[in-house]
């Protein structure tokens, strides 16, 4: 069986007619196959039921209306235009990032610092423009998904009505006895034909019931898709507001820097020396984990270093992802599993995980769902893995830490899990291809880490969060790397 990597959170589900901005992976379906029990259909019922079944199945195969096709074409055209504009802005943003990176590598000087701040303001303004376009694209997708939900609900209602007519027909004739059937079919060939019709009707009824079941499952997925799109929209709006504030902050930093130094390079050097951190300060700093809990920075670095040695993902990047400040305000642990988790995908593996660890599942807190929209939560511990993802990685975690079974609420196991997931994302075709687009202006590691961090937060919807989540994580990783350099110098 092909190994399929699951998303980190319940947010990542499979979409139909997916945008090229969304690179999604196959999903392992954990729910059991449903066994549909059918009533026994007698030969005398076959003709009427077959006619109803034919009408029912023909109705399922009907083509979309001209209005639906026109709407879909219009939405696709608008999406294509928005994506072209986003790609153009992306290129401009990367150019400013290249400028910022160039000034950083020139060394610490007053002039380079001022130019860096100016480039940051220009980049932030472009990111705000890109966010506006992304919001327009999301609004488009929300309209399309809402239409799909409406169409699916209508199909389910109509299919149930038609199925009710079939079952009513069966009920009205179910008292027909064998003698009456034989009297109605004096010829053996007629009796055999009716018997064959019984088999056809039973098979058709089974198919019909399965179609209704599939439509319901499709509706559940579509509603969660809509919930996630709305969540994306809210996150982008919040990010847009924060970026506007960031632009003001950077401008203030520049003005304050010039005010304090009065344009003197020597005074700037003095300020740098005053703000340098000591190793003792770094070691004792409190490091707050994404999923809750605290430890010293030194202890966090030691755990991250073990994970780095096992996976090749640098410790600073692991720490940046696990840092609590990276969560964009997501609730990380105040709900019970019964109300938070996807009922078929995550609750069964969650009960297995807690059972193996001897933990009462009702005593454990997990991330809450997005109740306003209906998306599921259920992420566990510092690494914030959903149960269906954790079970895919638990053997690899055990090989690193020796924990058998590994524990999602153990810091040691959580650090290893984070590093393993980041390794898979960092080396994924999505992140490799993304880095190739702009590797001529930005370091490959920066681009791939941005992509991997965004995947860690939102799975297949990573492209929406490459700036919202990916950028801040990479910048935080650089600050952690400076601290690590002090500790190891």
Protein backbone atom coordinates (compact mmCIF):
# COMPACT_ATOMS: atom_id res chain seq x y z
CA UNK A 1 0.00 0.00 0.00
CA UNK A 2 1.37 3.45 -0.89
CA UNK A 3 2.37 5.55 2.11
CA UNK A 4 0.19 8.63 2.31
CA UNK A 5 1.11 11.44 4.64
CA UNK A 6 -1.78 12.87 6.57
CA UNK A 7 -2.34 16.55 7.33
CA UNK A 8 -1.37 17.91 10.72
CA UNK A 9 -4.79 19.23 11.54
CA UNK A 10 -8.31 18.41 10.60
CA UNK A 11 -8.19 21.48 8.43
CA UNK A 12 -6.67 19.62 5.51
CA UNK A 13 -9.42 17.77 3.63
CA UNK A 14 -9.75 16.75 0.04
CA UNK A 15 -11.35 19.33 -2.25
CA UNK A 16 -12.99 18.84 -5.62
CA UNK A 17 -12.14 21.27 -8.44
CA UNK A 18 -9.17 22.40 -6.38
CA UNK A 19 -7.39 25.65 -7.10
CA UNK A 20 -3.81 25.30 -8.35
CA UNK A 21 -2.84 27.27 -5.28
CA UNK A 22 -3.83 24.27 -3.18
CA UNK A 23 -1.60 21.25 -3.38
CA UNK A 24 -3.45 18.49 -1.60
CA UNK A 25 -2.70 14.93 -0.77
CA UNK A 26 -4.77 11.76 -0.80
CA UNK A 27 -6.69 11.00 2.35
CA UNK A 28 -6.81 7.69 4.18
CA UNK A 29 -10.45 6.91 4.92
CA UNK A 30 -10.69 5.39 8.37
CA UNK A 31 -14.43 4.89 8.59
CA UNK A 32 -15.77 1.35 8.31
CA UNK A 33 -17.56 0.17 5.23
CA UNK A 34 -21.28 0.39 5.83
CA UNK A 35 -23.42 -2.70 5.34
CA UNK A 36 -26.81 -1.81 3.91
CA UNK A 37 -29.61 -4.28 4.65
CA UNK A 38 -32.32 -4.46 2.05
CA UNK A 39 -35.89 -5.68 2.27
CA UNK A 40 -36.70 -8.87 0.37
CA UNK A 41 -38.44 -7.92 -2.86
CA UNK A 42 -40.90 -10.41 -4.27
CA UNK A 43 -41.33 -11.14 -7.95
CA UNK A 44 -44.71 -9.45 -8.25
CA UNK A 45 -43.17 -6.13 -7.14
CA UNK A 46 -40.42 -6.09 -9.73
CA UNK A 47 -42.04 -4.32 -12.68
CA UNK A 48 -43.27 -1.26 -10.77
CA UNK A 49 -40.08 -0.97 -8.78
CA UNK A 50 -37.86 -1.33 -11.85
CA UNK A 51 -39.69 1.54 -13.51
CA UNK A 52 -39.19 3.74 -10.46
CA UNK A 53 -35.54 2.72 -10.20
CA UNK A 54 -34.92 3.58 -13.84
CA UNK A 55 -36.40 7.04 -13.34
CA UNK A 56 -34.35 7.48 -10.14
CA UNK A 57 -31.03 6.44 -11.62
CA UNK A 58 -31.66 8.45 -14.77
CA UNK A 59 -32.30 11.50 -12.60
CA UNK A 60 -28.96 11.02 -10.83
CA UNK A 61 -27.14 11.09 -14.16
CA UNK A 62 -28.70 14.33 -15.38
CA UNK A 63 -26.29 16.97 -16.66
CA UNK A 64 -25.74 20.32 -14.93
CA UNK A 65 -27.89 23.18 -16.06
CA UNK A 66 -26.68 25.91 -18.37
CA UNK A 67 -26.79 28.41 -15.50
CA UNK A 68 -24.52 26.24 -13.37
CA UNK A 69 -22.05 25.82 -16.22
CA UNK A 70 -22.01 29.58 -16.86
CA UNK A 71 -21.41 30.31 -13.16
CA UNK A 72 -18.60 27.76 -13.00
CA UNK A 73 -16.95 29.23 -16.11
CA UNK A 74 -17.19 32.76 -14.71
CA UNK A 75 -15.71 31.69 -11.38
CA UNK A 76 -12.86 29.85 -13.09
CA UNK A 77 -12.06 32.91 -15.21
CA UNK A 78 -12.05 35.19 -12.17
CA UNK A 79 -9.88 32.74 -10.23
CA UNK A 80 -7.39 32.59 -13.10
CA UNK A 81 -7.14 36.39 -13.21
CA UNK A 82 -6.66 36.65 -9.45
CA UNK A 83 -3.99 33.98 -9.44
CA UNK A 84 -2.10 35.76 -12.21
CA UNK A 85 -2.14 38.99 -10.19
CA UNK A 86 -1.08 37.13 -7.05
CA UNK A 87 1.84 35.57 -8.89
CA UNK A 88 2.99 38.99 -10.09
CA UNK A 89 2.81 40.41 -6.55
CA UNK A 90 4.61 37.34 -5.23
CA UNK A 91 7.52 38.10 -7.54
CA UNK A 92 7.69 41.71 -6.33
CA UNK A 93 7.55 40.60 -2.68
CA UNK A 94 10.40 38.17 -3.24
CA UNK A 95 12.49 40.97 -4.80
CA UNK A 96 12.11 43.04 -1.62
CA UNK A 97 12.94 39.97 0.47
CA UNK A 98 16.09 39.58 -1.59
CA UNK A 99 16.96 43.21 -0.87
CA UNK A 100 16.39 42.70 2.86
CA UNK A 101 18.53 39.56 2.81
CA UNK A 102 21.32 41.40 0.95
CA UNK A 103 21.46 44.19 3.54
CA UNK A 104 21.52 41.67 6.36
CA UNK A 105 24.54 39.88 4.89
CA UNK A 106 26.44 43.16 4.46
CA UNK A 107 26.94 43.36 8.19
CA UNK A 108 25.61 45.58 10.93
CA UNK A 109 25.72 49.23 9.93
CA UNK A 110 23.41 52.17 10.39
CA UNK A 111 22.84 52.69 6.67
CA UNK A 112 22.10 49.02 5.98
CA UNK A 113 19.71 48.89 8.94
CA UNK A 114 17.78 51.90 7.65
CA UNK A 115 17.62 50.45 4.14
CA UNK A 116 16.45 47.13 5.61
CA UNK A 117 13.61 48.87 7.46
CA UNK A 118 12.59 50.74 4.31
CA UNK A 119 12.53 47.49 2.31
CA UNK A 120 10.45 45.86 5.04
CA UNK A 121 7.83 48.61 4.81
CA UNK A 122 7.66 48.20 1.03
CA UNK A 123 7.35 44.41 1.38
CA UNK A 124 4.60 44.71 3.98
CA UNK A 125 2.60 47.02 1.71
CA UNK A 126 2.87 44.51 -1.12
CA UNK A 127 1.81 41.70 1.22
CA UNK A 128 -1.27 43.70 2.16
CA UNK A 129 -2.13 43.97 -1.55
CA UNK A 130 -1.59 40.23 -1.94
CA UNK A 131 -3.84 39.61 1.06
CA UNK A 132 -6.59 41.68 -0.56
CA UNK A 133 -6.36 39.55 -3.71
CA UNK A 134 -6.36 36.36 -1.62
CA UNK A 135 -9.50 37.53 0.16
CA UNK A 136 -11.19 38.15 -3.18
CA UNK A 137 -10.21 34.65 -4.32
CA UNK A 138 -11.51 33.14 -1.07
CA UNK A 139 -14.81 34.99 -1.45
CA UNK A 140 -15.08 33.44 -4.91
CA UNK A 141 -14.40 29.96 -3.54
CA UNK A 142 -16.88 30.43 -0.69
CA UNK A 143 -19.62 31.28 -3.21
CA UNK A 144 -18.78 28.18 -5.27
CA UNK A 145 -18.69 25.90 -2.22
CA UNK A 146 -21.97 27.30 -0.91
CA UNK A 147 -23.57 26.53 -4.29
CA UNK A 148 -22.19 22.97 -4.14
CA UNK A 149 -23.61 22.49 -0.65
CA UNK A 150 -27.00 23.75 -1.80
CA UNK A 151 -26.98 21.44 -4.86
CA UNK A 152 -25.95 18.44 -2.76
CA UNK A 153 -28.69 19.09 -0.19
CA UNK A 154 -31.28 19.32 -2.99
CA UNK A 155 -29.98 16.05 -4.48
CA UNK A 156 -30.20 14.29 -1.13
CA UNK A 157 -33.76 15.52 -0.58
CA UNK A 158 -34.88 14.47 -4.07
CA UNK A 159 -33.14 11.11 -3.83
CA UNK A 160 -34.77 10.38 -0.50
CA UNK A 161 -38.18 11.26 -1.95
CA UNK A 162 -37.69 8.92 -4.88
CA UNK A 163 -36.37 6.18 -2.66
CA UNK A 164 -39.45 6.58 -0.47
CA UNK A 165 -41.65 5.99 -3.52
CA UNK A 166 -39.76 2.79 -4.29
CA UNK A 167 -40.03 1.51 -0.72
CA UNK A 168 -43.72 2.44 -0.61
CA UNK A 169 -44.28 0.37 -3.74
CA UNK A 170 -42.47 -2.54 -2.13
CA UNK A 171 -44.52 -2.21 1.05
CA UNK A 172 -47.86 -2.14 -0.79
CA UNK A 173 -47.17 -5.44 -2.54
CA UNK A 174 -45.07 -7.25 0.03
CA UNK A 175 -47.99 -9.46 1.17
CA UNK A 176 -48.20 -11.16 -2.21
CA UNK A 177 -47.85 -14.91 -1.58
CA UNK A 178 -46.03 -17.56 -3.58
CA UNK A 179 -49.30 -19.16 -4.82
CA UNK A 180 -50.55 -15.80 -6.12
CA UNK A 181 -47.24 -15.16 -7.85
CA UNK A 182 -47.37 -18.58 -9.56
CA UNK A 183 -50.99 -17.99 -10.65
CA UNK A 184 -50.01 -14.64 -12.16
CA UNK A 185 -47.19 -16.37 -14.04
CA UNK A 186 -48.61 -19.57 -15.59
CA UNK A 187 -45.54 -19.86 -17.81
CA UNK A 188 -42.25 -20.92 -16.26
CA UNK A 189 -40.39 -18.39 -18.45
CA UNK A 190 -42.51 -15.53 -17.03
CA UNK A 191 -41.76 -16.68 -13.50
CA UNK A 192 -38.01 -16.85 -14.25
CA UNK A 193 -38.11 -13.35 -15.78
CA UNK A 194 -39.80 -11.99 -12.68
CA UNK A 195 -37.18 -13.71 -10.54
CA UNK A 196 -34.40 -12.04 -12.55
CA UNK A 197 -36.18 -8.72 -12.10
CA UNK A 198 -36.08 -9.26 -8.33
CA UNK A 199 -32.29 -9.55 -8.45
CA UNK A 200 -32.00 -6.41 -10.59
CA UNK A 201 -34.22 -4.41 -8.27
CA UNK A 202 -32.32 -5.52 -5.18
CA UNK A 203 -29.00 -4.56 -6.78
CA UNK A 204 -30.43 -1.25 -7.95
CA UNK A 205 -31.85 -0.48 -4.52
CA UNK A 206 -28.48 -1.22 -2.94
CA UNK A 207 -26.78 1.16 -5.39
CA UNK A 208 -29.39 3.82 -4.67
CA UNK A 209 -28.92 3.61 -0.91
CA UNK A 210 -25.15 3.76 -1.36
CA UNK A 211 -25.51 6.89 -3.51
CA UNK A 212 -27.49 8.60 -0.77
CA UNK A 213 -24.84 7.61 1.76
CA UNK A 214 -22.08 8.94 -0.50
CA UNK A 215 -23.98 12.18 -1.04
CA UNK A 216 -24.23 12.67 2.71
CA UNK A 217 -20.49 12.08 3.16
CA UNK A 218 -19.82 14.49 0.31
CA UNK A 219 -22.01 17.07 2.03
CA UNK A 220 -20.05 16.69 5.28
CA UNK A 221 -16.79 17.29 3.39
CA UNK A 222 -18.23 20.27 1.52
CA UNK A 223 -19.42 21.87 4.75
CA UNK A 224 -16.00 21.43 6.33
CA UNK A 225 -14.42 22.85 3.18
CA UNK A 226 -16.62 25.91 3.56
CA UNK A 227 -15.74 26.18 7.24
CA UNK A 228 -12.04 26.14 6.44
CA UNK A 229 -12.41 28.70 3.67
CA UNK A 230 -14.19 31.02 6.09
CA UNK A 231 -11.48 30.39 8.67
CA UNK A 232 -8.84 31.25 6.06
CA UNK A 233 -10.68 34.47 5.31
CA UNK A 234 -10.79 35.47 8.97
CA UNK A 235 -7.09 34.63 9.42
CA UNK A 236 -6.16 36.69 6.36
CA UNK A 237 -8.19 39.65 7.60
CA UNK A 238 -6.50 39.46 10.99
CA UNK A 239 -3.12 39.17 9.28
CA UNK A 240 -3.91 42.18 7.11
CA UNK A 241 -4.64 44.28 10.20
CA UNK A 242 -1.45 43.07 11.90
CA UNK A 243 0.58 43.89 8.78
CA UNK A 244 -0.73 47.43 8.71
CA UNK A 245 0.32 47.76 12.33
CA UNK A 246 3.69 46.18 11.52
CA UNK A 247 4.29 48.79 8.81
CA UNK A 248 3.65 51.57 11.33
CA UNK A 249 5.93 49.87 13.85
CA UNK A 250 8.79 49.52 11.37
CA UNK A 251 8.48 53.17 10.35
CA UNK A 252 8.56 54.14 14.04
CA UNK A 253 11.64 51.96 14.58
CA UNK A 254 13.40 53.72 11.72
CA UNK A 255 12.47 57.18 13.02
CA UNK A 256 13.52 56.28 16.56
CA UNK A 257 16.81 54.83 15.32
CA UNK A 258 17.65 58.02 13.46
CA UNK A 259 16.57 60.11 16.42
CA UNK A 260 18.74 58.23 18.91
CA UNK A 261 21.80 57.92 16.70
CA UNK A 262 21.39 61.26 14.90
CA UNK A 263 22.83 59.53 11.87
CA UNK A 264 26.08 58.61 13.64
CA UNK A 265 27.49 55.16 12.85
CA UNK A 266 29.47 55.00 16.09
CA UNK A 267 26.36 55.58 18.19
CA UNK A 268 24.60 52.75 16.31
CA UNK A 269 27.46 50.39 17.19
CA UNK A 270 27.06 51.32 20.84
CA UNK A 271 23.35 50.50 20.70
CA UNK A 272 24.07 47.09 19.18
CA UNK A 273 26.52 46.23 21.97
CA UNK A 274 24.00 47.29 24.60
CA UNK A 275 21.29 45.01 23.21
CA UNK A 276 23.39 41.87 22.76
CA UNK A 277 22.14 38.97 24.85
CA UNK A 278 24.38 36.97 27.14
CA UNK A 279 24.46 33.18 27.17
CA UNK A 280 23.14 33.14 30.73
CA UNK A 281 20.10 35.22 29.75
CA UNK A 282 19.36 32.92 26.83
CA UNK A 283 19.65 29.71 28.87
CA UNK A 284 17.28 30.89 31.58
CA UNK A 285 14.67 32.38 29.26
CA UNK A 286 11.27 30.71 29.47
CA UNK A 287 10.27 28.84 26.30
CA UNK A 288 6.51 28.40 25.97
CA UNK A 289 5.34 25.47 23.89
CA UNK A 290 2.64 25.79 21.25
CA UNK A 291 0.41 23.16 22.85
CA UNK A 292 0.93 24.37 26.39
CA UNK A 293 3.69 23.94 28.95
CA UNK A 294 6.93 25.73 29.71
CA UNK A 295 10.64 24.90 30.00
CA UNK A 296 13.88 26.80 29.86
CA UNK A 297 15.28 27.72 26.47
CA UNK A 298 18.33 25.60 27.19
CA UNK A 299 16.19 22.51 27.86
CA UNK A 300 14.10 23.21 24.75
CA UNK A 301 17.25 23.52 22.66
CA UNK A 302 18.59 20.20 23.96
CA UNK A 303 15.37 18.44 22.87
CA UNK A 304 15.43 20.19 19.51
CA UNK A 305 19.09 19.24 19.00
CA UNK A 306 18.24 15.53 19.42
CA UNK A 307 15.47 15.90 16.84
CA UNK A 308 17.82 17.78 14.51
CA UNK A 309 20.42 15.00 14.67
CA UNK A 310 17.76 12.44 13.78
CA UNK A 311 16.04 14.33 10.94
CA UNK A 312 18.40 16.98 9.60
CA UNK A 313 15.87 19.77 10.33
CA UNK A 314 17.71 22.55 12.16
CA UNK A 315 16.94 23.00 15.85
CA UNK A 316 16.14 26.70 15.46
CA UNK A 317 13.39 25.91 12.96
CA UNK A 318 11.91 23.20 15.19
CA UNK A 319 11.86 25.63 18.11
CA UNK A 320 10.22 28.34 16.00
CA UNK A 321 7.38 26.01 14.98
CA UNK A 322 6.82 24.81 18.54
CA UNK A 323 6.95 28.34 19.95
CA UNK A 324 3.58 29.37 21.36
CA UNK A 325 3.63 32.74 19.63
CA UNK A 326 3.35 31.01 16.24
CA UNK A 327 -0.20 29.81 16.74
CA UNK A 328 -2.12 32.81 15.32
CA UNK A 329 -4.42 32.66 18.33
CA UNK A 330 -5.56 29.08 17.69
CA UNK A 331 -7.06 27.33 20.70
CA UNK A 332 -4.65 24.53 21.54
CA UNK A 333 -6.17 22.58 24.36
CA UNK A 334 -9.40 23.25 26.23
CA UNK A 335 -11.93 20.84 24.69
CA UNK A 336 -12.88 17.22 25.18
CA UNK A 337 -12.36 14.77 22.33
CA UNK A 338 -16.07 13.90 22.00
CA UNK A 339 -17.03 17.35 20.74
CA UNK A 340 -13.76 18.39 19.09
CA UNK A 341 -12.63 15.48 16.94
CA UNK A 342 -13.74 14.15 13.58
CA UNK A 343 -15.92 11.17 14.60
CA UNK A 344 -14.59 8.60 12.12
CA UNK A 345 -11.13 9.88 11.22
CA UNK A 346 -9.74 10.81 14.64
CA UNK A 347 -11.77 9.45 17.56
CA UNK A 348 -10.93 5.74 16.93
CA UNK A 349 -7.13 6.33 16.75
CA UNK A 350 -7.37 8.73 19.72
CA UNK A 351 -8.95 6.02 21.84
CA UNK A 352 -6.23 3.60 20.73
CA UNK A 353 -3.47 6.10 21.63
CA UNK A 354 -4.88 6.82 25.10
CA UNK A 355 -5.59 3.13 25.66
CA UNK A 356 -1.98 2.15 24.91
CA UNK A 357 -0.75 4.87 27.29
CA UNK A 358 -3.23 3.94 30.03
CA UNK A 359 -4.77 7.42 29.97
CA UNK A 360 -8.44 8.17 30.58
CA UNK A 361 -9.47 9.78 27.24
CA UNK A 362 -12.05 12.00 28.91
CA UNK A 363 -9.33 13.55 31.10
CA UNK A 364 -7.33 14.82 28.11
CA UNK A 365 -7.80 18.30 26.61
CA UNK A 366 -7.37 18.81 22.87
CA UNK A 367 -7.73 21.77 20.51
CA UNK A 368 -11.26 23.03 20.03
CA UNK A 369 -13.15 23.03 16.73
CA UNK A 370 -14.00 26.20 14.86
CA UNK A 371 -17.52 26.21 16.23
CA UNK A 372 -18.59 29.26 14.22
CA UNK A 373 -18.09 27.35 10.98
CA UNK A 374 -18.18 23.65 11.86
CA UNK A 375 -14.57 22.56 11.23
CA UNK A 376 -13.05 19.94 13.52
CA UNK A 377 -10.23 20.35 16.05
CA UNK A 378 -8.67 17.60 18.14
CA UNK A 379 -4.93 18.41 17.94
CA UNK A 380 -2.91 16.95 20.82
CA UNK A 381 -0.01 18.13 22.94
CA UNK A 382 2.95 20.40 22.13
CA UNK A 383 3.27 19.18 18.54
CA UNK A 384 -0.46 19.69 17.90
CA UNK A 385 -0.92 16.51 15.84
CA UNK A 386 -4.41 15.17 15.22
CA UNK A 387 -4.68 11.46 16.17
CA UNK A 388 -4.84 10.15 12.59
CA UNK A 389 -1.54 11.93 11.87
CA UNK A 390 0.14 10.79 15.09
CA UNK A 391 -0.43 7.10 14.37
CA UNK A 392 1.30 7.50 10.99
CA UNK A 393 4.43 8.85 12.68
CA UNK A 394 4.48 6.95 15.96
CA UNK A 395 6.89 4.20 14.82
CA UNK A 396 9.36 6.77 13.50
CA UNK A 397 9.03 8.75 16.75
CA UNK A 398 9.73 5.60 18.75
CA UNK A 399 12.93 4.96 16.78
CA UNK A 400 14.21 8.43 17.75
CA UNK A 401 13.14 8.63 21.39
CA UNK A 402 12.83 4.96 22.37
CA UNK A 403 9.31 5.56 23.70
CA UNK A 404 7.08 2.56 23.03
CA UNK A 405 4.44 3.74 22.60
CA UNK A 406 5.31 7.41 22.10
CA UNK A 407 3.23 9.94 23.99
CA UNK A 408 1.79 13.05 22.24
CA UNK A 409 1.92 14.93 25.57
CA UNK A 410 5.61 14.15 26.17
CA UNK A 411 7.97 16.99 25.23
CA UNK A 412 10.61 14.56 23.98
CA UNK A 413 8.19 12.73 21.70
CA UNK A 414 6.51 15.96 20.57
CA UNK A 415 9.82 17.51 19.47
CA UNK A 416 10.64 14.37 17.46
CA UNK A 417 7.17 14.35 15.89
CA UNK A 418 7.48 17.99 14.85
CA UNK A 419 10.88 17.40 13.28
CA UNK A 420 9.65 14.34 11.37
CA UNK A 421 6.66 16.16 9.94
CA UNK A 422 8.78 19.17 9.00
CA UNK A 423 11.28 16.87 7.31
CA UNK A 424 8.54 15.36 5.14
CA UNK A 425 7.17 18.80 4.29
CA UNK A 426 10.60 20.34 3.68
CA UNK A 427 11.38 17.58 1.17
CA UNK A 428 7.90 17.46 -0.39
CA UNK A 429 7.48 18.23 -4.07
CA UNK A 430 5.32 21.25 -3.15
CA UNK A 431 8.09 22.90 -1.12
CA UNK A 432 10.85 21.90 -3.53
CA UNK A 433 8.95 23.31 -6.50
CA UNK A 434 8.10 26.48 -4.57
CA UNK A 435 11.77 27.06 -3.72
CA UNK A 436 12.81 26.53 -7.34
CA UNK A 437 10.55 29.39 -8.44
CA UNK A 438 12.49 31.98 -6.47
CA UNK A 439 15.81 30.33 -5.60
CA UNK A 440 17.62 32.85 -7.82
CA UNK A 441 16.75 35.68 -5.39
CA UNK A 442 16.25 33.99 -1.98
CA UNK A 443 18.09 31.18 -0.18
CA UNK A 444 16.53 27.77 -0.87
CA UNK A 445 16.38 26.98 2.85
CA UNK A 446 14.34 30.12 3.56
CA UNK A 447 11.78 29.25 0.90
CA UNK A 448 11.47 25.58 1.85
CA UNK A 449 11.22 26.37 5.56
CA UNK A 450 8.51 28.93 4.85
CA UNK A 451 6.56 26.30 2.90
CA UNK A 452 7.13 23.57 5.52
CA UNK A 453 6.01 25.85 8.37
CA UNK A 454 2.84 26.79 6.48
CA UNK A 455 2.14 23.10 5.79
CA UNK A 456 2.59 22.34 9.47
CA UNK A 457 -0.10 24.87 10.30
CA UNK A 458 -2.59 24.17 7.53
CA UNK A 459 -1.60 21.07 5.53
CA UNK A 460 -2.57 21.24 1.89
CA UNK A 461 -3.82 24.82 2.27
CA UNK A 462 -0.25 25.97 2.97
CA UNK A 463 -0.09 28.48 0.12
CA UNK A 464 -2.68 30.68 1.83
CA UNK A 465 -0.48 30.77 4.95
CA UNK A 466 3.00 31.09 3.42
CA UNK A 467 3.18 34.75 4.53
CA UNK A 468 0.64 34.66 7.37
CA UNK A 469 2.37 31.79 9.20
CA UNK A 470 5.43 30.75 7.20
CA UNK A 471 7.24 34.09 7.19
CA UNK A 472 6.96 34.82 10.93
CA UNK A 473 8.15 31.31 11.77
CA UNK A 474 11.23 31.62 9.55
CA UNK A 475 12.05 35.04 11.02
CA UNK A 476 11.65 33.62 14.53
CA UNK A 477 13.92 30.72 13.56
CA UNK A 478 16.62 33.22 12.57
CA UNK A 479 16.37 34.91 15.97
CA UNK A 480 16.59 31.52 17.70
CA UNK A 481 19.59 30.68 15.55
CA UNK A 482 21.36 33.80 16.81
CA UNK A 483 20.69 32.67 20.37
CA UNK A 484 21.90 29.14 19.60
CA UNK A 485 25.08 30.59 18.08
CA UNK A 486 25.71 32.46 21.35
CA UNK A 487 25.17 29.26 23.38
CA UNK A 488 27.46 27.16 21.20
CA UNK A 489 30.21 29.72 20.59
